[in-house]
Structure formats: C-alpha cells, structure tokens
Amino acid sequence: MTLPFDDDHAPLYSLGQVADMLRVQHAFLRRLDQHNVVSPSRSPGGQRRYSRRDIMTVQHVTRMTDEGMTLIAIRRILELEQEVRQLRHELERARAHPPQPQ
C-alpha cells in the first residue's frame, strides 16, 4: 500500500508551508504560478497545493533568480530541461530495443 507522502507528485503542501520551508515570499510563489513557471495543483477550495517535485522545482528556480535570470528565461530553461529528459529516455529505450534487421 502506498501513501500520499510516498508519492513525489502528491499535492500535500500549502503555499504558506512551502514559503516557510524555502524562505521565500508568498508573492514569489504566486508569481511563479502566474508566469507558468511552477504551477501547483489546486485543492477543491482553490488553494495552491505543492508536491515534493514542485518544491524541488521552486528551489531550482530560486537559484536561477538569484543568478539574475528572468522568469521568462527560467520557464524556457525548464522546458528545455524537460525536453532533454524526454529525449534521453527515448534514446535509452531505443538502445534497449534496437530495430531488428530485415
């Protein structure tokens, strides 16, 4: 049996909890959501709920903003990082199952 806290993608943490954990402003987290940089899940009442995966991404984004990057640039970097992960996964699958000679 798996529990929600065993799932990196389970939306368990509120905006306030994440802000406290990462020592960032609530407004910063809202801005990340508004700019589609980190878009957490929503509770039935509309409250933002962050997963551990979301929190790791916010940490990554915070480091990039500390280096002076804009949210637009950061969003593009995150998109490219995701694309690289997908391509690596496809490459691993292709190597594991090479085409059969005819």
N, C-alpha and C. Protein backbone atom coordinates (compact mmCIF):
# COMPACT_ATOMS: atom_id res chain seq x y z
N MET A 1 0.84 -1.18 0.00
CA MET A 1 0.00 0.00 0.00
C MET A 1 0.89 1.25 0.00
N THR A 2 0.64 2.16 -0.92
CA THR A 2 1.40 3.41 -0.94
C THR A 2 0.56 4.52 -0.33
N LEU A 3 1.23 5.41 0.34
CA LEU A 3 0.58 6.55 0.97
C LEU A 3 0.90 7.80 0.19
N PRO A 4 0.05 8.85 0.29
CA PRO A 4 0.32 10.07 -0.48
C PRO A 4 1.70 10.66 -0.26
N PHE A 5 2.23 10.57 0.95
CA PHE A 5 3.55 11.17 1.18
C PHE A 5 4.68 10.36 0.58
N ASP A 6 4.38 9.15 0.07
CA ASP A 6 5.38 8.36 -0.65
C ASP A 6 5.49 8.78 -2.12
N ASP A 7 4.53 9.56 -2.59
CA ASP A 7 4.45 9.97 -3.99
C ASP A 7 5.03 11.38 -4.14
N ASP A 8 6.10 11.51 -4.94
CA ASP A 8 6.72 12.83 -5.17
C ASP A 8 5.78 13.83 -5.82
N HIS A 9 4.72 13.33 -6.46
CA HIS A 9 3.80 14.21 -7.19
C HIS A 9 2.51 14.50 -6.42
N ALA A 10 2.37 13.95 -5.21
CA ALA A 10 1.16 14.17 -4.41
C ALA A 10 1.14 15.61 -3.91
N PRO A 11 0.05 16.33 -4.16
CA PRO A 11 -0.05 17.74 -3.74
C PRO A 11 -0.38 17.85 -2.24
N LEU A 12 0.65 17.92 -1.41
CA LEU A 12 0.47 17.85 0.03
C LEU A 12 0.72 19.16 0.78
N TYR A 13 1.42 20.11 0.19
CA TYR A 13 1.89 21.27 0.93
C TYR A 13 1.21 22.56 0.47
N SER A 14 0.84 23.39 1.42
CA SER A 14 0.19 24.67 1.11
C SER A 14 1.24 25.71 0.70
N LEU A 15 0.77 26.79 0.14
CA LEU A 15 1.65 27.88 -0.25
C LEU A 15 2.44 28.38 0.95
N GLY A 16 1.78 28.55 2.08
CA GLY A 16 2.46 29.04 3.29
C GLY A 16 3.52 28.09 3.78
N GLN A 17 3.24 26.80 3.73
CA GLN A 17 4.23 25.81 4.16
C GLN A 17 5.47 25.85 3.27
N VAL A 18 5.23 25.94 1.96
CA VAL A 18 6.36 25.97 1.01
C VAL A 18 7.16 27.26 1.19
N ALA A 19 6.47 28.37 1.35
CA ALA A 19 7.17 29.64 1.57
C ALA A 19 8.04 29.57 2.81
N ASP A 20 7.52 28.99 3.88
CA ASP A 20 8.30 28.85 5.11
C ASP A 20 9.48 27.91 4.92
N MET A 21 9.25 26.78 4.27
CA MET A 21 10.32 25.79 4.05
C MET A 21 11.48 26.38 3.27
N LEU A 22 11.14 27.12 2.21
CA LEU A 22 12.16 27.62 1.29
C LEU A 22 12.60 29.05 1.59
N ARG A 23 11.95 29.64 2.59
CA ARG A 23 12.24 31.03 2.97
C ARG A 23 12.09 31.98 1.79
N VAL A 24 10.95 31.86 1.12
CA VAL A 24 10.60 32.78 0.02
C VAL A 24 9.28 33.45 0.36
N GLN A 25 9.00 34.52 -0.33
CA GLN A 25 7.76 35.26 -0.12
C GLN A 25 6.59 34.54 -0.77
N HIS A 26 5.42 34.68 -0.18
CA HIS A 26 4.20 34.12 -0.77
C HIS A 26 4.00 34.68 -2.17
N ALA A 27 4.26 35.98 -2.32
CA ALA A 27 4.08 36.64 -3.62
C ALA A 27 4.98 36.02 -4.69
N PHE A 28 6.18 35.60 -4.30
CA PHE A 28 7.10 34.96 -5.26
C PHE A 28 6.49 33.68 -5.79
N LEU A 29 5.92 32.85 -4.90
CA LEU A 29 5.30 31.60 -5.34
C LEU A 29 4.09 31.88 -6.22
N ARG A 30 3.30 32.88 -5.88
CA ARG A 30 2.14 33.23 -6.73
C ARG A 30 2.60 33.68 -8.11
N ARG A 31 3.69 34.46 -8.14
CA ARG A 31 4.22 34.95 -9.42
C ARG A 31 4.71 33.79 -10.28
N LEU A 32 5.35 32.80 -9.67
CA LEU A 32 5.79 31.62 -10.43
C LEU A 32 4.61 30.92 -11.07
N ASP A 33 3.50 30.86 -10.35
CA ASP A 33 2.29 30.23 -10.88
C ASP A 33 1.68 31.10 -11.99
N GLN A 34 1.62 32.39 -11.78
CA GLN A 34 1.06 33.31 -12.79
C GLN A 34 1.84 33.28 -14.09
N HIS A 35 3.15 33.08 -14.00
CA HIS A 35 4.01 33.05 -15.19
C HIS A 35 4.22 31.64 -15.72
N ASN A 36 3.45 30.67 -15.20
CA ASN A 36 3.53 29.27 -15.63
C ASN A 36 4.93 28.70 -15.52
N VAL A 37 5.64 29.11 -14.47
CA VAL A 37 6.96 28.56 -14.21
C VAL A 37 6.81 27.32 -13.33
N VAL A 38 6.08 27.45 -12.24
CA VAL A 38 5.72 26.33 -11.37
C VAL A 38 4.22 26.46 -11.11
N SER A 39 3.45 25.50 -11.61
CA SER A 39 2.01 25.55 -11.48
C SER A 39 1.54 24.39 -10.58
N PRO A 40 1.36 24.68 -9.29
CA PRO A 40 0.94 23.62 -8.38
C PRO A 40 -0.51 23.21 -8.62
N SER A 41 -0.88 22.08 -8.03
CA SER A 41 -2.28 21.64 -8.09
C SER A 41 -3.13 22.59 -7.25
N ARG A 42 -4.43 22.41 -7.35
CA ARG A 42 -5.35 23.21 -6.54
C ARG A 42 -6.22 22.28 -5.70
N SER A 43 -6.50 22.70 -4.48
CA SER A 43 -7.42 21.95 -3.62
C SER A 43 -8.84 22.21 -4.13
N PRO A 44 -9.83 21.45 -3.65
CA PRO A 44 -11.22 21.72 -4.06
C PRO A 44 -11.65 23.16 -3.78
N GLY A 45 -11.05 23.78 -2.76
CA GLY A 45 -11.37 25.17 -2.44
C GLY A 45 -10.55 26.19 -3.21
N GLY A 46 -9.67 25.72 -4.13
CA GLY A 46 -8.88 26.63 -4.96
C GLY A 46 -7.52 27.00 -4.39
N GLN A 47 -7.14 26.44 -3.26
CA GLN A 47 -5.85 26.73 -2.66
C GLN A 47 -4.74 25.99 -3.40
N ARG A 48 -3.60 26.66 -3.56
CA ARG A 48 -2.46 26.01 -4.19
C ARG A 48 -1.95 24.89 -3.29
N ARG A 49 -1.63 23.75 -3.90
CA ARG A 49 -1.06 22.61 -3.18
C ARG A 49 0.16 22.12 -3.94
N TYR A 50 1.29 22.10 -3.26
CA TYR A 50 2.57 21.76 -3.88
C TYR A 50 2.98 20.33 -3.54
N SER A 51 3.57 19.67 -4.52
CA SER A 51 4.15 18.34 -4.32
C SER A 51 5.63 18.51 -4.00
N ARG A 52 6.26 17.41 -3.59
CA ARG A 52 7.72 17.47 -3.37
C ARG A 52 8.43 17.82 -4.67
N ARG A 53 7.93 17.32 -5.79
CA ARG A 53 8.52 17.63 -7.10
C ARG A 53 8.42 19.14 -7.37
N ASP A 54 7.24 19.73 -7.07
CA ASP A 54 7.07 21.19 -7.24
C ASP A 54 8.06 21.95 -6.37
N ILE A 55 8.24 21.50 -5.14
CA ILE A 55 9.14 22.18 -4.21
C ILE A 55 10.58 22.12 -4.73
N MET A 56 10.99 20.99 -5.26
CA MET A 56 12.33 20.87 -5.84
C MET A 56 12.49 21.84 -7.01
N THR A 57 11.44 21.97 -7.81
CA THR A 57 11.50 22.90 -8.95
C THR A 57 11.59 24.34 -8.46
N VAL A 58 10.83 24.68 -7.43
CA VAL A 58 10.90 26.04 -6.87
C VAL A 58 12.32 26.32 -6.36
N GLN A 59 12.95 25.34 -5.73
CA GLN A 59 14.34 25.53 -5.28
C GLN A 59 15.25 25.82 -6.47
N HIS A 60 15.08 25.06 -7.54
CA HIS A 60 15.88 25.25 -8.75
C HIS A 60 15.65 26.65 -9.32
N VAL A 61 14.39 27.06 -9.38
CA VAL A 61 14.03 28.38 -9.91
C VAL A 61 14.62 29.47 -9.02
N THR A 62 14.56 29.28 -7.72
CA THR A 62 15.10 30.28 -6.80
C THR A 62 16.59 30.49 -7.03
N ARG A 63 17.32 29.41 -7.26
CA ARG A 63 18.75 29.54 -7.55
C ARG A 63 18.97 30.34 -8.84
N MET A 64 18.14 30.07 -9.86
CA MET A 64 18.30 30.80 -11.13
C MET A 64 17.94 32.28 -10.98
N THR A 65 16.90 32.59 -10.19
CA THR A 65 16.56 34.01 -9.99
C THR A 65 17.66 34.70 -9.20
N ASP A 66 18.27 33.99 -8.26
CA ASP A 66 19.39 34.57 -7.51
C ASP A 66 20.56 34.90 -8.42
N GLU A 67 20.66 34.18 -9.55
CA GLU A 67 21.73 34.44 -10.52
C GLU A 67 21.33 35.54 -11.51
N GLY A 68 20.12 36.10 -11.36
CA GLY A 68 19.69 37.22 -12.18
C GLY A 68 18.87 36.87 -13.40
N MET A 69 18.44 35.63 -13.52
CA MET A 69 17.64 35.24 -14.68
C MET A 69 16.20 35.69 -14.53
N THR A 70 15.57 36.00 -15.65
CA THR A 70 14.17 36.40 -15.65
C THR A 70 13.26 35.17 -15.62
N LEU A 71 12.01 35.38 -15.24
CA LEU A 71 11.08 34.26 -15.21
C LEU A 71 10.81 33.70 -16.60
N ILE A 72 10.83 34.54 -17.60
CA ILE A 72 10.63 34.06 -18.98
C ILE A 72 11.79 33.14 -19.37
N ALA A 73 13.01 33.55 -19.05
CA ALA A 73 14.18 32.71 -19.36
C ALA A 73 14.14 31.42 -18.56
N ILE A 74 13.75 31.51 -17.30
CA ILE A 74 13.70 30.33 -16.45
C ILE A 74 12.66 29.34 -16.98
N ARG A 75 11.50 29.85 -17.37
CA ARG A 75 10.47 28.96 -17.92
C ARG A 75 11.00 28.22 -19.14
N ARG A 76 11.72 28.91 -20.00
CA ARG A 76 12.29 28.28 -21.20
C ARG A 76 13.34 27.25 -20.83
N ILE A 77 14.17 27.56 -19.85
CA ILE A 77 15.18 26.60 -19.38
C ILE A 77 14.50 25.34 -18.86
N LEU A 78 13.44 25.50 -18.07
CA LEU A 78 12.72 24.33 -17.54
C LEU A 78 12.11 23.51 -18.67
N GLU A 79 11.58 24.18 -19.69
CA GLU A 79 11.03 23.46 -20.85
C GLU A 79 12.12 22.66 -21.55
N LEU A 80 13.27 23.28 -21.75
CA LEU A 80 14.38 22.60 -22.42
C LEU A 80 14.92 21.45 -21.59
N GLU A 81 14.99 21.63 -20.27
CA GLU A 81 15.44 20.54 -19.41
C GLU A 81 14.48 19.35 -19.49
N GLN A 82 13.18 19.63 -19.54
CA GLN A 82 12.20 18.55 -19.68
C GLN A 82 12.36 17.85 -21.03
N GLU A 83 12.59 18.62 -22.08
CA GLU A 83 12.78 18.04 -23.41
C GLU A 83 14.01 17.14 -23.43
N VAL A 84 15.10 17.57 -22.81
CA VAL A 84 16.32 16.76 -22.74
C VAL A 84 16.04 15.46 -21.99
N ARG A 85 15.30 15.53 -20.87
CA ARG A 85 14.95 14.30 -20.13
C ARG A 85 14.16 13.34 -21.00
N GLN A 86 13.20 13.86 -21.75
CA GLN A 86 12.39 13.01 -22.63
C GLN A 86 13.24 12.38 -23.73
N LEU A 87 14.11 13.16 -24.33
CA LEU A 87 14.97 12.63 -25.38
C LEU A 87 15.93 11.58 -24.85
N ARG A 88 16.46 11.79 -23.65
CA ARG A 88 17.34 10.79 -23.05
C ARG A 88 16.58 9.49 -22.80
N HIS A 89 15.35 9.61 -22.32
CA HIS A 89 14.52 8.43 -22.08
C HIS A 89 14.26 7.68 -23.39
N GLU A 90 13.93 8.42 -24.45
CA GLU A 90 13.70 7.79 -25.76
C GLU A 90 14.97 7.10 -26.26
N LEU A 91 16.10 7.73 -26.07
CA LEU A 91 17.37 7.16 -26.50
C LEU A 91 17.67 5.86 -25.73
N GLU A 92 17.43 5.87 -24.43
CA GLU A 92 17.64 4.66 -23.62
C GLU A 92 16.73 3.53 -24.10
N ARG A 93 15.47 3.85 -24.40
CA ARG A 93 14.54 2.83 -24.90
C ARG A 93 15.01 2.30 -26.24
N ALA A 94 15.46 3.18 -27.12
CA ALA A 94 15.92 2.76 -28.44
C ALA A 94 17.16 1.88 -28.32
N ARG A 95 18.04 2.21 -27.40
CA ARG A 95 19.23 1.38 -27.21
C ARG A 95 18.89 0.01 -26.61
N ALA A 96 17.88 0.01 -25.75
CA ALA A 96 17.46 -1.25 -25.12
C ALA A 96 16.73 -2.18 -26.11
N HIS A 97 16.08 -1.58 -27.10
CA HIS A 97 15.31 -2.35 -28.09
C HIS A 97 15.69 -1.91 -29.50
N PRO A 98 16.89 -2.27 -29.95
CA PRO A 98 17.31 -1.83 -31.29
C PRO A 98 16.43 -2.48 -32.36
N PRO A 99 16.29 -1.82 -33.50
CA PRO A 99 15.48 -2.37 -34.59
C PRO A 99 16.09 -3.70 -35.07
N GLN A 100 15.24 -4.62 -35.41
CA GLN A 100 15.67 -5.93 -35.89
C GLN A 100 16.02 -5.83 -37.37
N PRO A 101 17.15 -6.42 -37.77
CA PRO A 101 17.50 -6.40 -39.21
C PRO A 101 16.47 -7.22 -40.00
N GLN A 102 16.22 -6.76 -41.20
CA GLN A 102 15.24 -7.46 -42.04
C GLN A 102 15.88 -8.37 -43.04
